[in-house]
Amino acid sequence: MFASSLMLMLLPAIAFDSAAVAIENGLQQCVQINKSDIVQRNNITLLDADISVLQAIGYCGCKSAVASYHLYNKEQHLRSEAITLKSSNTYSFVLAVDDKAPISESLRLQLSCAGD
């Protein structure tokens, strides 16, 4: 029992408040995003979210099912990635590739059509 308690105390905290990430959904008529948790897996900090595709994102002006997300810290662009939004699914947005980097309290994630 003591060893398992000690192991739990030595493990780093792996969950953060998802309120630290503001979502700007440019596809809100087609896609709904529900944030879950900020977690760390394999030294990568991720925002887990449930994405519900309400209708094809072509109805929101996209030329394909490919969207992109852009991550900002205040006005500084941190990263961008393309994601395919054909059906509802759980998605893990990458917030940081170094789990030692502090999570800013002012992250902003923008979702838009790819190429925007």
C-alpha atoms as a PDB file:
ATOM      1  CA  MET A   1       0.000   0.000   0.000  1.00  0.00           C
ATOM      2  CA  PHE A   2       2.787   2.452   0.866  1.00  0.00           C
ATOM      3  CA  ALA A   3       4.559   1.823  -2.449  1.00  0.00           C
ATOM      4  CA  SER A   4       1.407   2.508  -4.474  1.00  0.00           C
ATOM      5  CA  SER A   5       0.742   5.703  -2.513  1.00  0.00           C
ATOM      6  CA  LEU A   6       4.313   6.829  -3.098  1.00  0.00           C
ATOM      7  CA  MET A   7       4.015   6.104  -6.831  1.00  0.00           C
ATOM      8  CA  LEU A   8       0.845   8.234  -7.035  1.00  0.00           C
ATOM      9  CA  MET A   9       2.603  11.127  -5.325  1.00  0.00           C
ATOM     10  CA  LEU A  10       5.505  10.940  -7.777  1.00  0.00           C
ATOM     11  CA  LEU A  11       3.363  10.942 -10.908  1.00  0.00           C
ATOM     12  CA  PRO A  12       3.079  14.364 -12.563  1.00  0.00           C
ATOM     13  CA  ALA A  13      -0.332  15.955 -12.778  1.00  0.00           C
ATOM     14  CA  ILE A  14      -1.733  15.090 -16.182  1.00  0.00           C
ATOM     15  CA  ALA A  15      -5.006  17.006 -16.330  1.00  0.00           C
ATOM     16  CA  PHE A  16      -5.478  20.758 -16.669  1.00  0.00           C
ATOM     17  CA  ASP A  17      -8.502  23.006 -16.838  1.00  0.00           C
ATOM     18  CA  SER A  18      -9.832  23.070 -20.402  1.00  0.00           C
ATOM     19  CA  ALA A  19     -11.121  26.602 -19.744  1.00  0.00           C
ATOM     20  CA  ALA A  20      -7.527  27.719 -20.451  1.00  0.00           C
ATOM     21  CA  VAL A  21      -8.308  27.271 -24.168  1.00  0.00           C
ATOM     22  CA  ALA A  22     -10.848  29.548 -25.866  1.00  0.00           C
ATOM     23  CA  ILE A  23     -12.449  28.042 -28.979  1.00  0.00           C
ATOM     24  CA  GLU A  24     -13.247  30.246 -31.979  1.00  0.00           C
ATOM     25  CA  ASN A  25     -15.302  27.985 -34.205  1.00  0.00           C
ATOM     26  CA  GLY A  26     -15.550  29.444 -37.696  1.00  0.00           C
ATOM     27  CA  LEU A  27     -17.569  26.381 -38.727  1.00  0.00           C
ATOM     28  CA  GLN A  28     -20.165  26.554 -35.953  1.00  0.00           C
ATOM     29  CA  GLN A  29     -23.101  26.108 -38.362  1.00  0.00           C
ATOM     30  CA  CYS A  30     -21.610  22.754 -39.401  1.00  0.00           C
ATOM     31  CA  VAL A  31     -19.487  21.551 -36.481  1.00  0.00           C
ATOM     32  CA  GLN A  32     -19.973  21.651 -32.721  1.00  0.00           C
ATOM     33  CA  ILE A  33     -16.924  21.366 -30.412  1.00  0.00           C
ATOM     34  CA  ASN A  34     -17.262  20.294 -26.783  1.00  0.00           C
ATOM     35  CA  LYS A  35     -14.011  20.548 -24.837  1.00  0.00           C
ATOM     36  CA  SER A  36     -13.251  17.732 -22.441  1.00  0.00           C
ATOM     37  CA  ASP A  37      -9.858  17.893 -20.722  1.00  0.00           C
ATOM     38  CA  ILE A  38      -6.316  19.041 -21.278  1.00  0.00           C
ATOM     39  CA  VAL A  39      -4.122  15.982 -20.812  1.00  0.00           C
ATOM     40  CA  GLN A  40      -0.539  14.899 -21.319  1.00  0.00           C
ATOM     41  CA  ARG A  41       0.253  11.756 -23.290  1.00  0.00           C
ATOM     42  CA  ASN A  42       3.702  10.710 -24.464  1.00  0.00           C
ATOM     43  CA  ASN A  43       5.180  14.126 -23.562  1.00  0.00           C
ATOM     44  CA  ILE A  44       2.557  15.931 -25.664  1.00  0.00           C
ATOM     45  CA  THR A  45      -0.069  18.265 -24.188  1.00  0.00           C
ATOM     46  CA  LEU A  46      -3.463  17.742 -25.815  1.00  0.00           C
ATOM     47  CA  LEU A  47      -6.936  19.213 -25.646  1.00  0.00           C
ATOM     48  CA  ASP A  48      -9.409  16.348 -25.905  1.00  0.00           C
ATOM     49  CA  ALA A  49     -12.699  17.391 -27.485  1.00  0.00           C
ATOM     50  CA  ASP A  50     -15.840  15.802 -28.849  1.00  0.00           C
ATOM     51  CA  ILE A  51     -16.554  17.053 -32.352  1.00  0.00           C
ATOM     52  CA  SER A  52     -20.089  16.730 -33.668  1.00  0.00           C
ATOM     53  CA  VAL A  53     -20.486  17.198 -37.402  1.00  0.00           C
ATOM     54  CA  LEU A  54     -23.978  18.674 -37.837  1.00  0.00           C
ATOM     55  CA  GLN A  55     -23.713  18.905 -41.630  1.00  0.00           C
ATOM     56  CA  ALA A  56     -20.954  18.658 -44.230  1.00  0.00           C
ATOM     57  CA  ILE A  57     -18.514  21.541 -43.795  1.00  0.00           C
ATOM     58  CA  GLY A  58     -19.018  22.363 -47.472  1.00  0.00           C
ATOM     59  CA  TYR A  59     -22.224  24.078 -46.301  1.00  0.00           C
ATOM     60  CA  CYS A  60     -19.987  26.411 -44.283  1.00  0.00           C
ATOM     61  CA  GLY A  61     -17.928  27.393 -47.318  1.00  0.00           C
ATOM     62  CA  CYS A  62     -15.196  24.728 -47.224  1.00  0.00           C
ATOM     63  CA  LYS A  63     -14.076  23.181 -50.507  1.00  0.00           C
ATOM     64  CA  SER A  64     -13.525  19.737 -48.942  1.00  0.00           C
ATOM     65  CA  ALA A  65     -13.958  17.862 -45.663  1.00  0.00           C
ATOM     66  CA  VAL A  66     -10.545  19.132 -44.563  1.00  0.00           C
ATOM     67  CA  ALA A  67     -10.503  21.850 -41.935  1.00  0.00           C
ATOM     68  CA  SER A  68      -7.598  23.369 -40.054  1.00  0.00           C
ATOM     69  CA  TYR A  69      -7.016  24.583 -36.572  1.00  0.00           C
ATOM     70  CA  HIS A  70      -4.673  27.355 -35.535  1.00  0.00           C
ATOM     71  CA  LEU A  71      -3.416  27.759 -31.992  1.00  0.00           C
ATOM     72  CA  TYR A  72      -2.473  31.182 -30.628  1.00  0.00           C
ATOM     73  CA  ASN A  73      -1.049  32.474 -27.372  1.00  0.00           C
ATOM     74  CA  LYS A  74      -2.474  35.988 -27.272  1.00  0.00           C
ATOM     75  CA  GLU A  75      -1.583  37.086 -30.828  1.00  0.00           C
ATOM     76  CA  GLN A  76       1.426  34.775 -31.307  1.00  0.00           C
ATOM     77  CA  HIS A  77       0.735  31.895 -33.702  1.00  0.00           C
ATOM     78  CA  LEU A  78       1.947  28.636 -32.134  1.00  0.00           C
ATOM     79  CA  ARG A  79       0.882  25.897 -34.546  1.00  0.00           C
ATOM     80  CA  SER A  80      -1.533  24.816 -37.260  1.00  0.00           C
ATOM     81  CA  GLU A  81      -2.776  21.400 -38.306  1.00  0.00           C
ATOM     82  CA  ALA A  82      -5.246  20.026 -40.820  1.00  0.00           C
ATOM     83  CA  ILE A  83      -8.037  17.710 -39.695  1.00  0.00           C
ATOM     84  CA  THR A  84     -10.679  15.810 -41.648  1.00  0.00           C
ATOM     85  CA  LEU A  85     -14.247  16.427 -40.502  1.00  0.00           C
ATOM     86  CA  LYS A  86     -16.449  13.875 -42.251  1.00  0.00           C
ATOM     87  CA  SER A  87     -18.168  12.469 -39.175  1.00  0.00           C
ATOM     88  CA  SER A  88     -18.526  13.081 -35.460  1.00  0.00           C
ATOM     89  CA  ASN A  89     -15.588  11.871 -33.422  1.00  0.00           C
ATOM     90  CA  THR A  90     -13.313  12.577 -30.482  1.00  0.00           C
ATOM     91  CA  TYR A  91     -10.240  14.585 -31.450  1.00  0.00           C
ATOM     92  CA  SER A  92      -7.080  15.490 -29.560  1.00  0.00           C
ATOM     93  CA  PHE A  93      -5.816  18.949 -30.505  1.00  0.00           C
ATOM     94  CA  VAL A  94      -2.053  19.305 -29.956  1.00  0.00           C
ATOM     95  CA  LEU A  95      -1.336  22.236 -27.633  1.00  0.00           C
ATOM     96  CA  ALA A  96       2.370  21.612 -26.958  1.00  0.00           C
ATOM     97  CA  VAL A  97       4.936  18.996 -27.950  1.00  0.00           C
ATOM     98  CA  ASP A  98       6.949  19.474 -24.752  1.00  0.00           C
ATOM     99  CA  ASP A  99       5.118  18.513 -21.571  1.00  0.00           C
ATOM    100  CA  LYS A 100       7.580  20.614 -19.556  1.00  0.00           C
ATOM    101  CA  ALA A 101       6.423  23.843 -21.233  1.00  0.00           C
ATOM    102  CA  PRO A 102       3.888  25.745 -19.132  1.00  0.00           C
ATOM    103  CA  ILE A 103       0.350  25.981 -20.446  1.00  0.00           C
ATOM    104  CA  SER A 104      -0.586  29.586 -21.034  1.00  0.00           C
ATOM    105  CA  GLU A 105      -3.831  30.787 -19.517  1.00  0.00           C
ATOM    106  CA  SER A 106      -4.707  32.604 -22.749  1.00  0.00           C
ATOM    107  CA  LEU A 107      -4.620  29.985 -25.510  1.00  0.00           C
ATOM    108  CA  ARG A 108      -6.989  30.469 -28.412  1.00  0.00           C
ATOM    109  CA  LEU A 109      -7.866  27.710 -30.880  1.00  0.00           C
ATOM    110  CA  GLN A 110      -9.456  28.744 -34.198  1.00  0.00           C
ATOM    111  CA  LEU A 111     -11.216  26.212 -36.406  1.00  0.00           C
ATOM    112  CA  SER A 112     -11.749  27.101 -40.065  1.00  0.00           C
ATOM    113  CA  CYS A 113     -11.765  25.676 -43.583  1.00  0.00           C
ATOM    114  CA  ALA A 114      -8.349  24.433 -44.695  1.00  0.00           C
ATOM    115  CA  GLY A 115      -6.489  27.157 -46.527  1.00  0.00           C
ATOM    116  CA  ASP A 116      -8.159  30.014 -44.614  1.00  0.00           C
END
